[in-house]
């Protein structure tokens, strides 16, 4: 009975200590949304089996990536792929070097698409790339321009399926990475956990006596 109580106490304190951790959110975005949903927006940067578009993003702490997305044209054809790569990986090796990939329609204004399963990444730099002709994607789409650029995003484009890349002529497109960050526990959480350990120690001593 007392052993069960001690176990419940430890679990409750562990939950309390981690309750301040961040939930799923936008971990990276190249631009805030400029919504053209009331008008026809064709998209300025083509995504196809030869045209790839992607951005480098930075994670300040370990994270679980759950979805990627952007603002795509409503005039897409079939589907495109989205993939995550290590920072130094070449786009020409996407088929074998992708850390995660997903196929989706790439239409319907601002959207995000969930990865097949969350991808755990350590802190560091990575790439997210959109294209077609790989992973079963056979269609085309486009990223809509005139978005509200955030900072100085590193967005690139390839016209030969990743063999060569160059900076996008304008960085005003929206690419997003969503997930869950696991920061260090808050000081209050650590204090609660230590207090709980003290309680468990006292109960254990009483049991022995």
C-alpha atoms as a PDB file:
ATOM      1  CA  UNK A   1       0.000   0.000   0.000  1.00  0.00           C
ATOM      2  CA  UNK A   2       2.725   2.459   1.044  1.00  0.00           C
ATOM      3  CA  UNK A   3       4.904   1.426  -1.924  1.00  0.00           C
ATOM      4  CA  UNK A   4       1.994   2.267  -4.236  1.00  0.00           C
ATOM      5  CA  UNK A   5       1.600   5.671  -2.569  1.00  0.00           C
ATOM      6  CA  UNK A   6       5.312   6.437  -3.007  1.00  0.00           C
ATOM      7  CA  UNK A   7       5.118   5.475  -6.688  1.00  0.00           C
ATOM      8  CA  UNK A   8       2.095   7.711  -7.240  1.00  0.00           C
ATOM      9  CA  UNK A   9       3.876  10.586  -5.495  1.00  0.00           C
ATOM     10  CA  UNK A  10       6.958  10.261  -7.713  1.00  0.00           C
ATOM     11  CA  UNK A  11       4.839  10.130 -10.886  1.00  0.00           C
ATOM     12  CA  UNK A  12       2.768  13.149  -9.861  1.00  0.00           C
ATOM     13  CA  UNK A  13       5.883  15.199  -9.147  1.00  0.00           C
ATOM     14  CA  UNK A  14       7.503  14.148 -12.415  1.00  0.00           C
ATOM     15  CA  UNK A  15       4.422  15.327 -14.319  1.00  0.00           C
ATOM     16  CA  UNK A  16       4.420  18.620 -12.427  1.00  0.00           C
ATOM     17  CA  UNK A  17       8.112  19.145 -13.113  1.00  0.00           C
ATOM     18  CA  UNK A  18       7.623  18.728 -16.869  1.00  0.00           C
ATOM     19  CA  UNK A  19       4.249  20.478 -17.217  1.00  0.00           C
ATOM     20  CA  UNK A  20       5.945  23.710 -18.287  1.00  0.00           C
ATOM     21  CA  UNK A  21       7.481  22.128 -21.401  1.00  0.00           C
ATOM     22  CA  UNK A  22       6.448  23.676 -24.729  1.00  0.00           C
ATOM     23  CA  UNK A  23       3.765  22.079 -26.876  1.00  0.00           C
ATOM     24  CA  UNK A  24       3.580  21.708 -30.663  1.00  0.00           C
ATOM     25  CA  UNK A  25       4.156  25.011 -32.431  1.00  0.00           C
ATOM     26  CA  UNK A  26       5.751  26.664 -35.442  1.00  0.00           C
ATOM     27  CA  UNK A  27       9.452  26.043 -34.969  1.00  0.00           C
ATOM     28  CA  UNK A  28      10.496  27.897 -38.123  1.00  0.00           C
ATOM     29  CA  UNK A  29       8.863  30.155 -40.692  1.00  0.00           C
ATOM     30  CA  UNK A  30      10.366  32.127 -43.558  1.00  0.00           C
ATOM     31  CA  UNK A  31       7.438  34.567 -43.650  1.00  0.00           C
ATOM     32  CA  UNK A  32       4.202  35.591 -41.994  1.00  0.00           C
ATOM     33  CA  UNK A  33       1.059  34.891 -43.980  1.00  0.00           C
ATOM     34  CA  UNK A  34      -0.230  37.366 -46.543  1.00  0.00           C
ATOM     35  CA  UNK A  35      -3.541  35.659 -47.337  1.00  0.00           C
ATOM     36  CA  UNK A  36      -4.844  35.956 -50.913  1.00  0.00           C
ATOM     37  CA  UNK A  37      -7.749  33.591 -50.298  1.00  0.00           C
ATOM     38  CA  UNK A  38     -10.286  36.128 -51.561  1.00  0.00           C
ATOM     39  CA  UNK A  39      -8.570  36.323 -54.955  1.00  0.00           C
ATOM     40  CA  UNK A  40      -6.864  34.073 -57.466  1.00  0.00           C
ATOM     41  CA  UNK A  41      -3.166  33.671 -56.678  1.00  0.00           C
ATOM     42  CA  UNK A  42      -1.280  31.513 -59.214  1.00  0.00           C
ATOM     43  CA  UNK A  43       2.015  31.220 -57.351  1.00  0.00           C
ATOM     44  CA  UNK A  44       5.376  32.516 -58.468  1.00  0.00           C
ATOM     45  CA  UNK A  45       7.920  29.747 -57.779  1.00  0.00           C
ATOM     46  CA  UNK A  46       7.192  26.491 -59.575  1.00  0.00           C
ATOM     47  CA  UNK A  47       7.611  23.124 -57.817  1.00  0.00           C
ATOM     48  CA  UNK A  48       7.940  20.192 -60.222  1.00  0.00           C
ATOM     49  CA  UNK A  49      10.109  17.190 -61.089  1.00  0.00           C
ATOM     50  CA  UNK A  50      12.872  19.593 -62.150  1.00  0.00           C
ATOM     51  CA  UNK A  51      12.103  22.654 -60.000  1.00  0.00           C
ATOM     52  CA  UNK A  52      12.821  22.218 -56.288  1.00  0.00           C
ATOM     53  CA  UNK A  53      12.450  24.952 -53.652  1.00  0.00           C
ATOM     54  CA  UNK A  54      13.686  24.745 -50.073  1.00  0.00           C
ATOM     55  CA  UNK A  55      15.037  26.574 -47.047  1.00  0.00           C
ATOM     56  CA  UNK A  56      17.653  26.061 -44.346  1.00  0.00           C
ATOM     57  CA  UNK A  57      16.298  26.237 -40.794  1.00  0.00           C
ATOM     58  CA  UNK A  58      17.908  26.219 -37.355  1.00  0.00           C
ATOM     59  CA  UNK A  59      16.803  24.385 -34.209  1.00  0.00           C
ATOM     60  CA  UNK A  60      18.129  25.919 -30.996  1.00  0.00           C
ATOM     61  CA  UNK A  61      17.312  22.760 -29.018  1.00  0.00           C
ATOM     62  CA  UNK A  62      16.328  19.144 -29.623  1.00  0.00           C
ATOM     63  CA  UNK A  63      12.900  18.912 -31.239  1.00  0.00           C
ATOM     64  CA  UNK A  64      10.363  16.484 -32.665  1.00  0.00           C
ATOM     65  CA  UNK A  65       9.313  17.672 -36.119  1.00  0.00           C
ATOM     66  CA  UNK A  66       5.688  16.750 -36.774  1.00  0.00           C
ATOM     67  CA  UNK A  67       4.788  18.673 -39.959  1.00  0.00           C
ATOM     68  CA  UNK A  68       6.099  20.895 -42.744  1.00  0.00           C
ATOM     69  CA  UNK A  69       4.215  23.287 -44.977  1.00  0.00           C
ATOM     70  CA  UNK A  70       3.928  26.599 -46.725  1.00  0.00           C
ATOM     71  CA  UNK A  71       1.634  28.811 -48.783  1.00  0.00           C
ATOM     72  CA  UNK A  72       1.017  26.940 -52.040  1.00  0.00           C
ATOM     73  CA  UNK A  73      -1.016  27.928 -55.081  1.00  0.00           C
ATOM     74  CA  UNK A  74      -4.552  26.609 -55.449  1.00  0.00           C
ATOM     75  CA  UNK A  75      -3.689  25.701 -59.055  1.00  0.00           C
ATOM     76  CA  UNK A  76      -1.677  22.558 -58.384  1.00  0.00           C
ATOM     77  CA  UNK A  77      -1.646  19.346 -60.377  1.00  0.00           C
ATOM     78  CA  UNK A  78      -1.653  15.990 -58.564  1.00  0.00           C
ATOM     79  CA  UNK A  79       0.932  15.891 -55.741  1.00  0.00           C
ATOM     80  CA  UNK A  80       4.413  16.996 -54.660  1.00  0.00           C
ATOM     81  CA  UNK A  81       6.846  15.885 -51.962  1.00  0.00           C
ATOM     82  CA  UNK A  82       8.296  17.582 -48.926  1.00  0.00           C
ATOM     83  CA  UNK A  83      11.519  16.316 -47.360  1.00  0.00           C
ATOM     84  CA  UNK A  84      13.880  17.146 -44.499  1.00  0.00           C
ATOM     85  CA  UNK A  85      17.646  16.877 -44.942  1.00  0.00           C
ATOM     86  CA  UNK A  86      20.784  17.462 -42.929  1.00  0.00           C
ATOM     87  CA  UNK A  87      22.249  20.933 -43.471  1.00  0.00           C
ATOM     88  CA  UNK A  88      25.109  19.779 -45.688  1.00  0.00           C
ATOM     89  CA  UNK A  89      23.203  17.207 -47.744  1.00  0.00           C
ATOM     90  CA  UNK A  90      22.932  17.780 -51.499  1.00  0.00           C
ATOM     91  CA  UNK A  91      19.473  18.012 -53.010  1.00  0.00           C
ATOM     92  CA  UNK A  92      20.652  15.676 -55.770  1.00  0.00           C
ATOM     93  CA  UNK A  93      20.796  12.818 -53.229  1.00  0.00           C
ATOM     94  CA  UNK A  94      17.330  13.397 -51.771  1.00  0.00           C
ATOM     95  CA  UNK A  95      16.153   9.895 -52.634  1.00  0.00           C
ATOM     96  CA  UNK A  96      18.686   8.334 -50.252  1.00  0.00           C
ATOM     97  CA  UNK A  97      19.637  11.111 -47.827  1.00  0.00           C
ATOM     98  CA  UNK A  98      16.221  12.432 -46.748  1.00  0.00           C
ATOM     99  CA  UNK A  99      15.694  12.174 -42.985  1.00  0.00           C
ATOM    100  CA  UNK A 100      11.923  12.239 -43.541  1.00  0.00           C
ATOM    101  CA  UNK A 101       9.626  12.668 -46.527  1.00  0.00           C
ATOM    102  CA  UNK A 102       5.930  13.036 -47.241  1.00  0.00           C
ATOM    103  CA  UNK A 103       3.747  13.343 -50.358  1.00  0.00           C
ATOM    104  CA  UNK A 104       0.803  15.780 -50.418  1.00  0.00           C
ATOM    105  CA  UNK A 105      -1.397  17.819 -52.760  1.00  0.00           C
ATOM    106  CA  UNK A 106       0.365  21.165 -52.315  1.00  0.00           C
ATOM    107  CA  UNK A 107      -2.773  23.176 -52.942  1.00  0.00           C
ATOM    108  CA  UNK A 108      -5.252  25.143 -50.894  1.00  0.00           C
ATOM    109  CA  UNK A 109      -3.435  28.278 -49.757  1.00  0.00           C
ATOM    110  CA  UNK A 110      -1.485  28.085 -46.477  1.00  0.00           C
ATOM    111  CA  UNK A 111      -1.222  24.479 -45.359  1.00  0.00           C
ATOM    112  CA  UNK A 112       0.907  22.065 -43.365  1.00  0.00           C
ATOM    113  CA  UNK A 113       1.158  18.327 -43.813  1.00  0.00           C
ATOM    114  CA  UNK A 114       2.040  15.856 -41.076  1.00  0.00           C
ATOM    115  CA  UNK A 115       5.051  13.593 -41.434  1.00  0.00           C
ATOM    116  CA  UNK A 116       4.345   9.869 -41.289  1.00  0.00           C
ATOM    117  CA  UNK A 117       5.840   9.922 -37.781  1.00  0.00           C
ATOM    118  CA  UNK A 118       7.542  12.658 -35.733  1.00  0.00           C
ATOM    119  CA  UNK A 119      11.218  13.157 -36.602  1.00  0.00           C
ATOM    120  CA  UNK A 120      13.499  13.719 -33.621  1.00  0.00           C
ATOM    121  CA  UNK A 121      16.332  16.131 -34.422  1.00  0.00           C
ATOM    122  CA  UNK A 122      19.164  17.401 -32.272  1.00  0.00           C
ATOM    123  CA  UNK A 123      19.860  21.125 -32.102  1.00  0.00           C
ATOM    124  CA  UNK A 124      21.483  22.363 -35.320  1.00  0.00           C
ATOM    125  CA  UNK A 125      20.839  23.325 -38.938  1.00  0.00           C
ATOM    126  CA  UNK A 126      18.648  21.382 -41.372  1.00  0.00           C
ATOM    127  CA  UNK A 127      16.904  21.808 -44.723  1.00  0.00           C
ATOM    128  CA  UNK A 128      13.304  21.432 -45.831  1.00  0.00           C
ATOM    129  CA  UNK A 129      12.803  20.906 -49.591  1.00  0.00           C
ATOM    130  CA  UNK A 130       9.750  20.664 -51.846  1.00  0.00           C
ATOM    131  CA  UNK A 131       9.717  19.072 -55.296  1.00  0.00           C
ATOM    132  CA  UNK A 132       8.325  16.254 -57.430  1.00  0.00           C
ATOM    133  CA  UNK A 133       9.576  13.189 -59.278  1.00  0.00           C
ATOM    134  CA  UNK A 134      10.661  11.421 -56.052  1.00  0.00           C
ATOM    135  CA  UNK A 135       8.949   9.470 -53.245  1.00  0.00           C
ATOM    136  CA  UNK A 136       5.985   8.773 -55.526  1.00  0.00           C
ATOM    137  CA  UNK A 137       5.175  12.439 -56.216  1.00  0.00           C
ATOM    138  CA  UNK A 138       4.356  13.092 -59.875  1.00  0.00           C
ATOM    139  CA  UNK A 139       2.606  16.480 -59.970  1.00  0.00           C
ATOM    140  CA  UNK A 140       3.457  20.131 -59.662  1.00  0.00           C
ATOM    141  CA  UNK A 141       2.547  23.182 -57.609  1.00  0.00           C
ATOM    142  CA  UNK A 142       4.051  26.560 -56.735  1.00  0.00           C
ATOM    143  CA  UNK A 143       4.863  28.693 -53.720  1.00  0.00           C
ATOM    144  CA  UNK A 144       2.976  31.986 -53.555  1.00  0.00           C
ATOM    145  CA  UNK A 145       5.101  35.132 -53.357  1.00  0.00           C
ATOM    146  CA  UNK A 146       4.402  38.509 -51.680  1.00  0.00           C
ATOM    147  CA  UNK A 147       4.452  37.008 -48.169  1.00  0.00           C
ATOM    148  CA  UNK A 148       5.717  39.037 -45.191  1.00  0.00           C
ATOM    149  CA  UNK A 149       9.357  37.915 -44.995  1.00  0.00           C
ATOM    150  CA  UNK A 150      10.776  37.252 -41.520  1.00  0.00           C
ATOM    151  CA  UNK A 151      14.434  38.151 -40.995  1.00  0.00           C
ATOM    152  CA  UNK A 152      16.818  36.862 -43.652  1.00  0.00           C
ATOM    153  CA  UNK A 153      15.673  33.359 -44.612  1.00  0.00           C
ATOM    154  CA  UNK A 154      18.030  31.179 -46.647  1.00  0.00           C
ATOM    155  CA  UNK A 155      15.729  29.993 -49.446  1.00  0.00           C
ATOM    156  CA  UNK A 156      17.129  28.200 -52.487  1.00  0.00           C
ATOM    157  CA  UNK A 157      15.823  26.929 -55.801  1.00  0.00           C
ATOM    158  CA  UNK A 158      17.002  24.282 -58.249  1.00  0.00           C
ATOM    159  CA  UNK A 159      16.060  24.053 -61.929  1.00  0.00           C
ATOM    160  CA  UNK A 160      17.642  20.624 -62.506  1.00  0.00           C
ATOM    161  CA  UNK A 161      16.195  18.346 -59.793  1.00  0.00           C
ATOM    162  CA  UNK A 162      18.750  19.356 -57.202  1.00  0.00           C
ATOM    163  CA  UNK A 163      21.947  19.036 -59.194  1.00  0.00           C
ATOM    164  CA  UNK A 164      22.628  22.750 -58.754  1.00  0.00           C
ATOM    165  CA  UNK A 165      21.041  25.290 -56.415  1.00  0.00           C
ATOM    166  CA  UNK A 166      20.953  29.071 -56.213  1.00  0.00           C
ATOM    167  CA  UNK A 167      19.329  31.655 -53.953  1.00  0.00           C
ATOM    168  CA  UNK A 168      15.675  32.309 -54.714  1.00  0.00           C
ATOM    169  CA  UNK A 169      15.344  35.606 -56.585  1.00  0.00           C
ATOM    170  CA  UNK A 170      13.050  36.921 -53.844  1.00  0.00           C
ATOM    171  CA  UNK A 171      12.750  35.533 -50.321  1.00  0.00           C
ATOM    172  CA  UNK A 172       9.049  36.452 -49.890  1.00  0.00           C
ATOM    173  CA  UNK A 173       7.596  32.926 -49.836  1.00  0.00           C
ATOM    174  CA  UNK A 174       6.236  31.106 -46.800  1.00  0.00           C
ATOM    175  CA  UNK A 175       7.808  27.797 -45.710  1.00  0.00           C
ATOM    176  CA  UNK A 176       7.068  26.414 -42.247  1.00  0.00           C
ATOM    177  CA  UNK A 177       8.349  23.676 -39.935  1.00  0.00           C
ATOM    178  CA  UNK A 178       6.112  22.563 -37.055  1.00  0.00           C
ATOM    179  CA  UNK A 179       6.880  20.428 -34.041  1.00  0.00           C
ATOM    180  CA  UNK A 180       7.529  20.182 -30.341  1.00  0.00           C
ATOM    181  CA  UNK A 181      10.548  21.549 -28.500  1.00  0.00           C
ATOM    182  CA  UNK A 182      11.928  19.906 -25.349  1.00  0.00           C
ATOM    183  CA  UNK A 183      13.585  22.683 -23.334  1.00  0.00           C
ATOM    184  CA  UNK A 184      15.303  22.255 -19.974  1.00  0.00           C
ATOM    185  CA  UNK A 185      12.922  22.091 -16.977  1.00  0.00           C
ATOM    186  CA  UNK A 186      11.987  25.379 -15.331  1.00  0.00           C
ATOM    187  CA  UNK A 187      13.721  26.045 -11.964  1.00  0.00           C
ATOM    188  CA  UNK A 188      10.365  25.660 -10.209  1.00  0.00           C
ATOM    189  CA  UNK A 189       9.944  22.217 -11.780  1.00  0.00           C
ATOM    190  CA  UNK A 190      13.396  21.126 -10.623  1.00  0.00           C
ATOM    191  CA  UNK A 191      12.632  22.346  -7.086  1.00  0.00           C
ATOM    192  CA  UNK A 192       9.373  20.372  -7.031  1.00  0.00           C
ATOM    193  CA  UNK A 193      11.142  17.241  -8.226  1.00  0.00           C
ATOM    194  CA  UNK A 194      13.832  17.571  -5.541  1.00  0.00           C
ATOM    195  CA  UNK A 195      11.161  18.133  -2.890  1.00  0.00           C
ATOM    196  CA  UNK A 196       9.387  15.006  -4.061  1.00  0.00           C
ATOM    197  CA  UNK A 197      12.574  12.999  -3.819  1.00  0.00           C
ATOM    198  CA  UNK A 198      12.959  14.256  -0.243  1.00  0.00           C
ATOM    199  CA  UNK A 199       9.426  13.107   0.626  1.00  0.00           C
ATOM    200  CA  UNK A 200      10.093   9.685  -0.871  1.00  0.00           C
ATOM    201  CA  UNK A 201      13.325   9.423   1.158  1.00  0.00           C
ATOM    202  CA  UNK A 202      11.512  10.281   4.423  1.00  0.00           C
ATOM    203  CA  UNK A 203       8.777   7.726   3.731  1.00  0.00           C
ATOM    204  CA  UNK A 204      11.371   5.074   2.971  1.00  0.00           C
ATOM    205  CA  UNK A 205      13.212   5.742   6.255  1.00  0.00           C
ATOM    206  CA  UNK A 206       9.954   5.550   8.239  1.00  0.00           C
ATOM    207  CA  UNK A 207       9.147   2.242   6.595  1.00  0.00           C
ATOM    208  CA  UNK A 208      12.536   0.796   7.599  1.00  0.00           C
ATOM    209  CA  UNK A 209      12.112   1.989  11.203  1.00  0.00           C
END
